[in-house]
Amino acid sequence: MKTMNWKEVMIDILVDIGASILIAVGVYNFALHANFPVAGFSGIAIILYHLFGLPVGAGTILLNVPVSIFCYKFLGKQFFLKSVKSMIISSFFMDYVAPLFPVYEGSRFLAALCMGILAGAGYAIIFMRGSSTGGQDFISVAIKKVKPHITLGIITFGLDMCTIILGTILVFKDVDGLIYGIIVTYLMAIVMDRIMYGIDEGKMTLIVTEHGEEVAKRIDEYSGRGSTILKGVGSYSKQPKDVVMCACNNKQMYTIKKMVHEIDPKAFTIIMESNEVVGEGFKEEISEI
């Protein structure tokens, strides 16, 4: 495991602070008082706020404690520790910094747009640093480990919809709120994908390297997806090369690219858009009857 020096730690904390401000303002200043449900643990924390007056940040931490204990064995130590750090920072800013800014009390639709853009950007920045804000991310990873045939997209969507429906039933009690909650969830996903890679459904990569077996093993350990090792020859050097071919979703591709560089800095990595991927771990082909 790579040890971070103090400069990298400070940069990591500063990035977390910037991302946490975006998330906190999006949730507290736009979503909290606009009366529509939000997905994830922030959404559950908002429900607790409306029902019991519990601060959103404190509620998020309380929800994360049992989930973190239960899911620890499914998460890598480094990812877990970085996620705890990001969770604590974002919760602090939610309760103590966001209230310093004025609360938006205008159109619910504009509130939904601002929340989706700000929070989506914040979550994308945190994820690009190899971290998360815990909560639903921990649960999604744990479910994926237990049920590897179910895609992360389906798991996340199912958990999001459960939270939105729960918030609508217990607190907001109107169809418009449910619709706004779905809009916000979709917009956050679009913003995250736009910042990280674009809005395409997936990516395919061809990795030309002399360490094909190690690259393929790391990809499988990280994403749970297999890859294909093709044999090639360099046209100039005439030396044998491995070509690792792998298809994955947008979020996974960012980390895979970093892992490949760590294993083989001289590797030649090609990342291509994939409009549709059919097969195990992705969308299943539907046979015509």
Protein backbone atom coordinates (compact mmCIF):
# COMPACT_ATOMS: atom_id res chain seq x y z
CA MET A 1 0.00 0.00 0.00
CA LYS A 2 1.34 3.43 -0.95
CA THR A 3 2.05 5.70 2.03
CA MET A 4 0.90 9.31 1.60
CA ASN A 5 3.28 12.10 2.64
CA TRP A 6 2.08 15.14 4.56
CA LYS A 7 1.61 17.24 1.40
CA GLU A 8 -0.64 14.61 -0.15
CA VAL A 9 -2.58 14.35 3.11
CA MET A 10 -3.11 18.12 3.21
CA ILE A 11 -4.21 18.20 -0.43
CA ASP A 12 -6.57 15.31 0.24
CA ILE A 13 -8.11 17.14 3.22
CA LEU A 14 -8.44 20.43 1.29
CA VAL A 15 -10.17 18.63 -1.60
CA ASP A 16 -12.51 16.95 0.90
CA ILE A 17 -13.31 20.37 2.39
CA GLY A 18 -14.11 21.88 -1.00
CA ALA A 19 -16.29 18.92 -1.97
CA SER A 20 -17.98 18.89 1.43
CA ILE A 21 -18.95 22.56 1.07
CA LEU A 22 -20.65 21.77 -2.25
CA ILE A 23 -22.51 18.80 -0.76
CA ALA A 24 -23.49 20.66 2.43
CA VAL A 25 -24.81 23.73 0.59
CA GLY A 26 -26.68 21.56 -1.90
CA VAL A 27 -28.36 19.47 0.79
CA TYR A 28 -28.87 22.01 3.61
CA ASN A 29 -29.43 25.29 1.76
CA PHE A 30 -31.43 23.95 -1.16
CA ALA A 31 -32.94 20.51 -0.45
CA LEU A 32 -33.65 20.55 3.28
CA HIS A 33 -36.30 23.28 3.19
CA ALA A 34 -37.66 22.60 -0.30
CA ASN A 35 -39.77 19.65 0.90
CA PHE A 36 -38.69 16.90 -1.45
CA PRO A 37 -36.98 13.58 -0.60
CA VAL A 38 -33.30 12.96 -1.30
CA ALA A 39 -31.60 9.64 -1.96
CA GLY A 40 -28.85 8.08 0.15
CA PHE A 41 -28.07 8.53 3.83
CA SER A 42 -28.47 12.28 3.42
CA GLY A 43 -32.07 11.57 2.48
CA ILE A 44 -32.62 9.42 5.57
CA ALA A 45 -30.93 12.10 7.71
CA ILE A 46 -33.35 14.68 6.25
CA ILE A 47 -36.26 12.42 7.24
CA LEU A 48 -34.89 12.26 10.81
CA TYR A 49 -34.50 16.05 10.80
CA HIS A 50 -38.14 16.60 9.87
CA LEU A 51 -39.44 13.96 12.29
CA PHE A 52 -37.20 14.53 15.32
CA GLY A 53 -35.21 17.72 14.67
CA LEU A 54 -31.90 15.84 14.55
CA PRO A 55 -29.20 17.81 12.62
CA VAL A 56 -28.53 16.33 9.20
CA GLY A 57 -24.78 15.90 9.70
CA ALA A 58 -25.19 14.28 13.12
CA GLY A 59 -27.89 12.02 11.74
CA THR A 60 -25.61 10.95 8.90
CA ILE A 61 -22.84 9.98 11.34
CA LEU A 62 -25.25 8.07 13.60
CA LEU A 63 -26.55 6.12 10.62
CA ASN A 64 -23.03 5.39 9.41
CA VAL A 65 -21.72 3.93 12.69
CA PRO A 66 -23.56 0.56 12.55
CA VAL A 67 -23.25 0.35 8.76
CA SER A 68 -19.49 0.96 8.92
CA ILE A 69 -19.04 -1.74 11.58
CA PHE A 70 -21.09 -4.24 9.59
CA CYS A 71 -19.52 -3.49 6.19
CA TYR A 72 -15.88 -3.09 7.28
CA LYS A 73 -14.88 -6.60 6.23
CA PHE A 74 -16.19 -5.96 2.70
CA LEU A 75 -14.13 -2.79 2.25
CA GLY A 76 -10.42 -2.28 1.88
CA LYS A 77 -8.75 -0.63 4.86
CA GLN A 78 -7.54 2.38 2.88
CA PHE A 79 -10.91 2.99 1.24
CA PHE A 80 -12.66 2.60 4.58
CA LEU A 81 -10.41 5.06 6.43
CA LYS A 82 -10.56 7.66 3.65
CA SER A 83 -14.34 7.32 3.53
CA VAL A 84 -14.64 7.84 7.29
CA LYS A 85 -12.54 10.99 6.98
CA SER A 86 -14.70 12.33 4.14
CA MET A 87 -17.87 11.44 6.04
CA ILE A 88 -16.79 13.31 9.19
CA ILE A 89 -15.70 16.41 7.24
CA SER A 90 -18.89 16.55 5.14
CA SER A 91 -21.09 16.04 8.23
CA PHE A 92 -19.28 18.84 10.08
CA PHE A 93 -19.78 21.25 7.19
CA MET A 94 -23.43 20.19 6.93
CA ASP A 95 -24.20 21.20 10.53
CA TYR A 96 -21.80 24.07 11.21
CA VAL A 97 -20.86 25.74 7.90
CA ALA A 98 -23.88 25.44 5.61
CA PRO A 99 -26.19 27.18 8.18
CA LEU A 100 -23.98 30.27 7.81
CA PHE A 101 -25.22 30.68 4.23
CA PRO A 102 -28.76 31.88 3.37
CA VAL A 103 -31.39 29.20 2.76
CA TYR A 104 -33.02 29.25 -0.67
CA GLU A 105 -36.79 29.59 -0.36
CA GLY A 106 -37.81 29.98 -4.00
CA SER A 107 -38.97 27.48 -6.61
CA ARG A 108 -38.76 23.81 -5.67
CA PHE A 109 -37.67 23.04 -9.21
CA LEU A 110 -34.74 25.46 -9.05
CA ALA A 111 -33.87 24.12 -5.60
CA ALA A 112 -33.79 20.61 -7.06
CA LEU A 113 -31.56 21.72 -9.94
CA CYS A 114 -29.10 23.51 -7.64
CA MET A 115 -29.00 20.62 -5.18
CA GLY A 116 -28.39 18.07 -7.94
CA ILE A 117 -25.58 20.10 -9.52
CA LEU A 118 -23.80 21.09 -6.31
CA ALA A 119 -24.08 17.75 -4.50
CA GLY A 120 -23.33 15.78 -7.68
CA ALA A 121 -20.13 17.79 -8.20
CA GLY A 122 -19.12 17.31 -4.56
CA TYR A 123 -19.67 13.56 -4.59
CA ALA A 124 -17.78 13.23 -7.89
CA ILE A 125 -14.75 15.07 -6.47
CA ILE A 126 -14.70 12.85 -3.38
CA PHE A 127 -15.05 9.68 -5.44
CA MET A 128 -12.23 10.76 -7.77
CA ARG A 129 -9.96 10.90 -4.71
CA GLY A 130 -10.60 7.20 -4.05
CA SER A 131 -13.01 7.89 -1.22
CA SER A 132 -16.73 8.16 -0.46
CA THR A 133 -19.02 9.62 2.18
CA GLY A 134 -19.91 6.18 3.52
CA GLY A 135 -23.54 5.26 4.04
CA GLN A 136 -25.16 3.89 0.94
CA ASP A 137 -21.78 3.44 -0.78
CA PHE A 138 -20.77 0.99 1.97
CA ILE A 139 -24.06 -0.90 1.64
CA SER A 140 -23.77 -1.03 -2.17
CA VAL A 141 -20.25 -2.48 -1.99
CA ALA A 142 -21.33 -5.04 0.63
CA ILE A 143 -24.32 -6.18 -1.44
CA LYS A 144 -22.11 -6.39 -4.53
CA LYS A 145 -19.70 -8.67 -2.67
CA VAL A 146 -22.52 -10.97 -1.59
CA LYS A 147 -24.43 -10.81 -4.91
CA PRO A 148 -21.72 -10.25 -7.55
CA HIS A 149 -24.12 -10.91 -10.44
CA ILE A 150 -26.10 -7.76 -9.61
CA THR A 151 -24.63 -4.57 -11.06
CA LEU A 152 -23.75 -1.60 -8.85
CA GLY A 153 -26.07 0.56 -10.94
CA ILE A 154 -29.08 -1.61 -10.13
CA ILE A 155 -28.14 -1.82 -6.44
CA THR A 156 -27.71 1.95 -6.14
CA PHE A 157 -30.92 2.69 -8.02
CA GLY A 158 -32.89 0.30 -5.81
CA LEU A 159 -31.54 1.82 -2.59
CA ASP A 160 -32.16 5.36 -3.89
CA MET A 161 -35.77 4.62 -4.76
CA CYS A 162 -36.40 3.02 -1.36
CA THR A 163 -35.15 6.17 0.39
CA ILE A 164 -37.15 8.52 -1.86
CA ILE A 165 -40.36 6.54 -1.41
CA LEU A 166 -39.78 6.33 2.37
CA GLY A 167 -39.30 10.10 2.58
CA THR A 168 -42.43 10.72 0.53
CA ILE A 169 -44.56 8.46 2.74
CA LEU A 170 -43.24 9.56 6.14
CA VAL A 171 -42.59 13.28 5.65
CA PHE A 172 -43.49 15.04 2.42
CA LYS A 173 -46.65 13.14 1.47
CA ASP A 174 -47.10 14.58 -2.04
CA VAL A 175 -46.54 13.29 -5.55
CA ASP A 176 -44.69 16.44 -6.62
CA GLY A 177 -42.10 15.82 -3.91
CA LEU A 178 -41.62 12.26 -5.16
CA ILE A 179 -41.07 13.53 -8.71
CA TYR A 180 -38.58 16.15 -7.55
CA GLY A 181 -36.72 13.49 -5.58
CA ILE A 182 -36.37 11.33 -8.70
CA ILE A 183 -35.26 14.36 -10.75
CA VAL A 184 -32.57 15.21 -8.18
CA THR A 185 -31.28 11.63 -8.07
CA TYR A 186 -31.06 11.47 -11.86
CA LEU A 187 -29.44 14.90 -12.12
CA MET A 188 -26.80 14.03 -9.50
CA ALA A 189 -25.87 10.91 -11.47
CA ILE A 190 -25.60 12.93 -14.70
CA VAL A 191 -23.41 15.59 -13.08
CA MET A 192 -21.12 12.97 -11.51
CA ASP A 193 -20.69 11.17 -14.81
CA ARG A 194 -20.15 14.44 -16.70
CA ILE A 195 -17.38 15.52 -14.32
CA MET A 196 -15.64 12.15 -14.27
CA TYR A 197 -16.11 10.78 -17.79
CA GLY A 198 -19.19 11.98 -19.62
CA ILE A 199 -22.70 10.61 -19.72
CA ASP A 200 -22.12 7.33 -21.57
CA GLU A 201 -23.24 4.07 -20.08
CA GLY A 202 -19.86 2.43 -19.89
CA LYS A 203 -16.25 2.27 -20.99
CA MET A 204 -14.02 -0.29 -22.65
CA THR A 205 -10.26 -0.24 -22.29
CA LEU A 206 -7.37 -1.89 -24.09
CA ILE A 207 -4.23 -1.96 -21.95
CA VAL A 208 -0.96 -2.81 -23.72
CA THR A 209 1.51 -3.93 -21.06
CA GLU A 210 4.16 -6.48 -20.15
CA HIS A 211 2.33 -7.25 -16.89
CA GLY A 212 -0.97 -8.53 -18.23
CA GLU A 213 -1.57 -11.15 -15.55
CA GLU A 214 -1.03 -8.68 -12.69
CA VAL A 215 -3.22 -6.02 -14.33
CA ALA A 216 -6.03 -8.52 -14.94
CA LYS A 217 -5.79 -9.79 -11.35
CA ARG A 218 -6.02 -6.27 -9.89
CA ILE A 219 -9.02 -5.44 -12.11
CA ASP A 220 -10.80 -8.57 -10.96
CA GLU A 221 -10.04 -7.86 -7.27
CA TYR A 222 -11.30 -4.29 -7.54
CA SER A 223 -14.36 -4.54 -9.77
CA GLY A 224 -15.31 -8.21 -9.62
CA ARG A 225 -15.20 -8.27 -13.43
CA GLY A 226 -13.15 -10.60 -15.54
CA SER A 227 -11.00 -9.36 -18.40
CA THR A 228 -9.51 -10.86 -21.53
CA ILE A 229 -5.76 -11.10 -22.12
CA LEU A 230 -4.81 -10.98 -25.79
CA LYS A 231 -1.30 -11.70 -27.03
CA GLY A 232 0.37 -9.08 -29.19
CA VAL A 233 3.74 -8.03 -30.58
CA GLY A 234 5.14 -4.50 -30.67
CA SER A 235 5.51 -3.44 -34.30
CA TYR A 236 8.71 -1.50 -33.58
CA SER A 237 10.34 -3.49 -30.78
CA LYS A 238 9.08 -6.89 -31.97
CA GLN A 239 8.72 -7.76 -28.28
CA PRO A 240 5.72 -9.79 -27.02
CA LYS A 241 3.02 -7.74 -25.27
CA ASP A 242 -0.15 -8.50 -23.36
CA VAL A 243 -3.30 -6.63 -24.36
CA VAL A 244 -5.81 -6.62 -21.49
CA MET A 245 -9.35 -5.91 -22.67
CA CYS A 246 -11.92 -4.94 -20.04
CA ALA A 247 -15.40 -3.40 -20.02
CA CYS A 248 -16.69 -1.61 -16.91
CA ASN A 249 -18.78 1.33 -15.76
CA ASN A 250 -17.59 4.94 -15.66
CA LYS A 251 -16.68 5.10 -11.97
CA GLN A 252 -14.67 1.90 -12.09
CA MET A 253 -12.70 3.02 -15.15
CA TYR A 254 -11.22 5.98 -13.30
CA THR A 255 -9.75 3.72 -10.60
CA ILE A 256 -8.66 1.04 -13.10
CA LYS A 257 -6.69 3.65 -15.05
CA LYS A 258 -4.86 4.67 -11.86
CA MET A 259 -4.16 1.03 -10.90
CA VAL A 260 -2.69 0.27 -14.34
CA HIS A 261 -0.33 3.24 -14.03
CA GLU A 262 0.81 2.05 -10.59
CA ILE A 263 1.53 -1.46 -11.88
CA ASP A 264 3.16 -0.42 -15.17
CA PRO A 265 3.85 3.30 -15.73
CA LYS A 266 4.88 2.46 -19.31
CA ALA A 267 1.57 0.77 -20.14
CA PHE A 268 -0.34 2.08 -23.15
CA THR A 269 -3.99 2.50 -22.13
CA ILE A 270 -6.81 3.14 -24.61
CA ILE A 271 -10.22 4.08 -23.17
CA MET A 272 -13.21 3.97 -25.49
CA GLU A 273 -16.89 4.75 -25.14
CA SER A 274 -19.15 1.72 -24.91
CA ASN A 275 -22.77 2.42 -25.79
CA GLU A 276 -23.99 -0.99 -24.71
CA VAL A 277 -22.43 -3.95 -22.91
CA VAL A 278 -24.40 -7.20 -22.81
CA GLY A 279 -23.36 -10.17 -20.68
CA GLU A 280 -22.60 -11.30 -17.15
CA GLY A 281 -22.16 -8.38 -14.78
CA PHE A 282 -23.84 -6.00 -17.22
CA LYS A 283 -27.22 -5.97 -18.93
CA GLU A 284 -28.50 -9.44 -19.70
CA GLU A 285 -29.50 -10.14 -23.29
CA ILE A 286 -33.26 -10.67 -23.69
CA SER A 287 -34.06 -13.52 -26.03
CA GLU A 288 -36.86 -13.01 -28.49
CA ILE A 289 -39.78 -15.34 -27.98
